[in-house]
Amino acid sequence: MADRRRSSADQAAASRALPSRFLTPDDLVEMFELPSVETVYQWRRKRTGPRGFRVGRHLRFDPADVQAWVDAQREEVAA
C-alpha cells in the first residue's frame, strides 16, 4: 500500500516538473492557471513575475528562473 502511495506521489511530482525547454508566456498561463497572457506581461512591466528575456520579439522564460520565482513566492508567504 505504501508503495502505491509513493508511486502516485512520484507521478504527481513528475507531472509538476518544468520542461527542459525555455517557456513561453502561454506556458506560464497554463502552468499557473492565469486568466490571460496579459497577466504575464503585466508581471513583466511591474517586475513582479519571473525573470524573462527576449529572443527577437518573443518573450521566453528559463525554467530555473521560474522555479526560483515560485520558491521565493513560497518563502514570502511563509515568512
N, C-alpha and C. Protein backbone atom coordinates (compact mmCIF):
# COMPACT_ATOMS: atom_id res chain seq x y z
N MET A 1 0.82 -1.20 0.00
CA MET A 1 0.00 0.00 0.00
C MET A 1 0.87 1.27 0.00
N ALA A 2 1.92 1.27 0.84
CA ALA A 2 2.80 2.43 0.90
C ALA A 2 3.50 2.64 -0.44
N ASP A 3 3.83 1.53 -1.12
CA ASP A 3 4.47 1.65 -2.43
C ASP A 3 3.53 2.33 -3.43
N ARG A 4 2.25 2.02 -3.34
CA ARG A 4 1.28 2.63 -4.23
C ARG A 4 1.18 4.13 -3.98
N ARG A 5 1.17 4.52 -2.71
CA ARG A 5 1.10 5.94 -2.36
C ARG A 5 2.36 6.67 -2.84
N ARG A 6 3.49 6.04 -2.64
CA ARG A 6 4.74 6.66 -3.04
C ARG A 6 4.79 6.83 -4.55
N SER A 7 4.35 5.83 -5.28
CA SER A 7 4.41 5.92 -6.73
C SER A 7 3.46 7.00 -7.24
N SER A 8 2.30 7.15 -6.63
CA SER A 8 1.39 8.21 -7.08
C SER A 8 1.94 9.58 -6.71
N ALA A 9 2.63 9.69 -5.58
CA ALA A 9 3.27 10.96 -5.21
C ALA A 9 4.40 11.27 -6.17
N ASP A 10 5.16 10.25 -6.55
CA ASP A 10 6.24 10.45 -7.52
C ASP A 10 5.68 10.89 -8.88
N GLN A 11 4.55 10.32 -9.27
CA GLN A 11 3.92 10.68 -10.53
C GLN A 11 3.43 12.13 -10.48
N ALA A 12 2.87 12.53 -9.35
CA ALA A 12 2.40 13.90 -9.21
C ALA A 12 3.57 14.87 -9.30
N ALA A 13 4.68 14.54 -8.65
CA ALA A 13 5.86 15.41 -8.70
C ALA A 13 6.40 15.48 -10.13
N ALA A 14 6.40 14.38 -10.83
CA ALA A 14 6.90 14.36 -12.20
C ALA A 14 5.99 15.19 -13.12
N SER A 15 4.69 15.17 -12.87
CA SER A 15 3.79 15.95 -13.71
C SER A 15 3.95 17.44 -13.46
N ARG A 16 4.44 17.81 -12.27
CA ARG A 16 4.65 19.22 -11.96
C ARG A 16 6.03 19.70 -12.40
N ALA A 17 6.88 18.80 -12.81
CA ALA A 17 8.24 19.17 -13.21
C ALA A 17 8.18 20.11 -14.42
N LEU A 18 9.06 21.07 -14.40
CA LEU A 18 9.11 22.02 -15.52
C LEU A 18 9.80 21.38 -16.72
N PRO A 19 9.39 21.76 -17.91
CA PRO A 19 10.05 21.21 -19.10
C PRO A 19 11.48 21.72 -19.21
N SER A 20 12.29 21.05 -20.01
CA SER A 20 13.69 21.42 -20.15
C SER A 20 13.90 22.50 -21.20
N ARG A 21 12.86 22.94 -21.87
CA ARG A 21 12.97 23.99 -22.88
C ARG A 21 12.61 25.34 -22.25
N PHE A 22 12.93 26.41 -22.95
CA PHE A 22 12.52 27.73 -22.48
C PHE A 22 11.00 27.84 -22.59
N LEU A 23 10.40 28.52 -21.63
CA LEU A 23 8.95 28.61 -21.54
C LEU A 23 8.44 29.87 -22.21
N THR A 24 7.24 29.79 -22.76
CA THR A 24 6.58 30.93 -23.38
C THR A 24 5.59 31.53 -22.38
N PRO A 25 5.10 32.73 -22.64
CA PRO A 25 4.05 33.28 -21.78
C PRO A 25 2.82 32.36 -21.71
N ASP A 26 2.48 31.73 -22.83
CA ASP A 26 1.35 30.79 -22.83
C ASP A 26 1.61 29.61 -21.91
N ASP A 27 2.86 29.16 -21.82
CA ASP A 27 3.20 28.08 -20.89
C ASP A 27 2.92 28.51 -19.45
N LEU A 28 3.28 29.75 -19.12
CA LEU A 28 3.04 30.24 -17.76
C LEU A 28 1.55 30.36 -17.48
N VAL A 29 0.79 30.80 -18.47
CA VAL A 29 -0.67 30.89 -18.30
C VAL A 29 -1.24 29.51 -17.97
N GLU A 30 -0.78 28.52 -18.68
CA GLU A 30 -1.26 27.16 -18.45
C GLU A 30 -0.79 26.60 -17.11
N MET A 31 0.47 26.81 -16.78
CA MET A 31 1.04 26.27 -15.55
C MET A 31 0.39 26.85 -14.31
N PHE A 32 0.16 28.17 -14.31
CA PHE A 32 -0.37 28.84 -13.14
C PHE A 32 -1.86 29.13 -13.22
N GLU A 33 -2.50 28.63 -14.28
CA GLU A 33 -3.94 28.81 -14.50
C GLU A 33 -4.31 30.28 -14.39
N LEU A 34 -3.58 31.11 -15.13
CA LEU A 34 -3.80 32.56 -15.14
C LEU A 34 -4.97 32.88 -16.07
N PRO A 35 -5.61 34.03 -15.85
CA PRO A 35 -6.75 34.38 -16.70
C PRO A 35 -6.38 34.64 -18.16
N SER A 36 -5.20 35.24 -18.39
CA SER A 36 -4.78 35.50 -19.77
C SER A 36 -3.28 35.76 -19.80
N VAL A 37 -2.75 35.80 -21.02
CA VAL A 37 -1.33 36.07 -21.22
C VAL A 37 -1.01 37.51 -20.81
N GLU A 38 -2.00 38.38 -20.81
CA GLU A 38 -1.79 39.77 -20.39
C GLU A 38 -1.28 39.83 -18.95
N THR A 39 -1.68 38.89 -18.11
CA THR A 39 -1.19 38.84 -16.73
C THR A 39 0.33 38.68 -16.70
N VAL A 40 0.85 37.84 -17.55
CA VAL A 40 2.30 37.61 -17.63
C VAL A 40 3.00 38.90 -18.06
N TYR A 41 2.42 39.59 -19.03
CA TYR A 41 3.02 40.85 -19.49
C TYR A 41 2.92 41.94 -18.42
N GLN A 42 1.85 41.94 -17.62
CA GLN A 42 1.74 42.89 -16.50
C GLN A 42 2.81 42.60 -15.46
N TRP A 43 3.02 41.32 -15.15
CA TRP A 43 4.08 40.96 -14.20
C TRP A 43 5.41 41.51 -14.69
N ARG A 44 5.65 41.38 -15.99
CA ARG A 44 6.92 41.84 -16.55
C ARG A 44 7.05 43.36 -16.44
N ARG A 45 6.00 44.08 -16.78
CA ARG A 45 6.03 45.54 -16.68
C ARG A 45 6.24 46.00 -15.24
N LYS A 46 5.60 45.31 -14.29
CA LYS A 46 5.70 45.68 -12.88
C LYS A 46 6.92 45.07 -12.19
N ARG A 47 7.62 44.20 -12.92
CA ARG A 47 8.79 43.49 -12.38
C ARG A 47 8.44 42.67 -11.14
N THR A 48 7.31 41.99 -11.20
CA THR A 48 6.87 41.16 -10.08
C THR A 48 6.88 39.67 -10.40
N GLY A 49 7.00 39.33 -11.66
CA GLY A 49 6.96 37.93 -12.07
C GLY A 49 8.34 37.34 -12.24
N PRO A 50 8.41 36.13 -12.78
CA PRO A 50 9.71 35.51 -13.03
C PRO A 50 10.50 36.29 -14.07
N ARG A 51 11.80 36.20 -13.96
CA ARG A 51 12.69 36.89 -14.90
C ARG A 51 12.54 36.29 -16.29
N GLY A 52 12.35 37.14 -17.26
CA GLY A 52 12.21 36.69 -18.64
C GLY A 52 13.22 37.38 -19.53
N PHE A 53 13.29 36.96 -20.76
CA PHE A 53 14.20 37.58 -21.72
C PHE A 53 13.58 37.51 -23.11
N ARG A 54 14.06 38.34 -23.98
CA ARG A 54 13.54 38.40 -25.34
C ARG A 54 14.46 37.65 -26.30
N VAL A 55 13.85 36.95 -27.22
CA VAL A 55 14.53 36.34 -28.35
C VAL A 55 13.86 36.97 -29.56
N GLY A 56 14.50 38.02 -30.09
CA GLY A 56 13.82 38.81 -31.11
C GLY A 56 12.63 39.50 -30.48
N ARG A 57 11.46 39.24 -30.99
CA ARG A 57 10.26 39.84 -30.41
C ARG A 57 9.52 38.90 -29.47
N HIS A 58 10.07 37.72 -29.25
CA HIS A 58 9.41 36.70 -28.45
C HIS A 58 9.94 36.70 -27.02
N LEU A 59 9.03 36.63 -26.05
CA LEU A 59 9.38 36.57 -24.65
C LEU A 59 9.54 35.12 -24.22
N ARG A 60 10.62 34.82 -23.52
CA ARG A 60 10.88 33.46 -23.05
C ARG A 60 11.31 33.51 -21.59
N PHE A 61 11.12 32.37 -20.91
CA PHE A 61 11.48 32.24 -19.51
C PHE A 61 12.29 30.97 -19.32
N ASP A 62 13.37 31.08 -18.56
CA ASP A 62 14.18 29.92 -18.22
C ASP A 62 13.45 29.17 -17.11
N PRO A 63 13.25 27.86 -17.26
CA PRO A 63 12.56 27.10 -16.21
C PRO A 63 13.20 27.25 -14.83
N ALA A 64 14.52 27.39 -14.77
CA ALA A 64 15.19 27.57 -13.48
C ALA A 64 14.79 28.90 -12.84
N ASP A 65 14.64 29.95 -13.66
CA ASP A 65 14.20 31.25 -13.15
C ASP A 65 12.76 31.19 -12.66
N VAL A 66 11.92 30.47 -13.38
CA VAL A 66 10.53 30.31 -12.96
C VAL A 66 10.47 29.57 -11.63
N GLN A 67 11.25 28.50 -11.51
CA GLN A 67 11.27 27.73 -10.25
C GLN A 67 11.79 28.59 -9.10
N ALA A 68 12.82 29.38 -9.35
CA ALA A 68 13.35 30.27 -8.31
C ALA A 68 12.31 31.28 -7.89
N TRP A 69 11.55 31.80 -8.84
CA TRP A 69 10.50 32.77 -8.54
C TRP A 69 9.39 32.12 -7.69
N VAL A 70 9.00 30.91 -8.06
CA VAL A 70 7.98 30.18 -7.29
C VAL A 70 8.48 29.94 -5.86
N ASP A 71 9.72 29.52 -5.72
CA ASP A 71 10.29 29.28 -4.39
C ASP A 71 10.31 30.56 -3.56
N ALA A 72 10.65 31.69 -4.20
CA ALA A 72 10.66 32.98 -3.49
C ALA A 72 9.25 33.36 -3.05
N GLN A 73 8.26 33.07 -3.90
CA GLN A 73 6.88 33.38 -3.52
C GLN A 73 6.45 32.55 -2.33
N ARG A 74 6.84 31.29 -2.30
CA ARG A 74 6.51 30.42 -1.16
C ARG A 74 7.17 30.90 0.12
N GLU A 75 8.44 31.30 0.03
CA GLU A 75 9.15 31.79 1.21
C GLU A 75 8.53 33.08 1.73
N GLU A 76 8.10 33.94 0.80
CA GLU A 76 7.48 35.21 1.18
C GLU A 76 6.18 34.96 1.92
N VAL A 77 5.40 33.99 1.50
CA VAL A 77 4.13 33.68 2.14
C VAL A 77 4.38 33.04 3.51
N ALA A 78 5.41 32.21 3.59
CA ALA A 78 5.71 31.51 4.85
C ALA A 78 6.28 32.46 5.91
N ALA A 79 6.89 33.55 5.49
CA ALA A 79 7.53 34.48 6.44
C ALA A 79 6.53 35.33 7.18
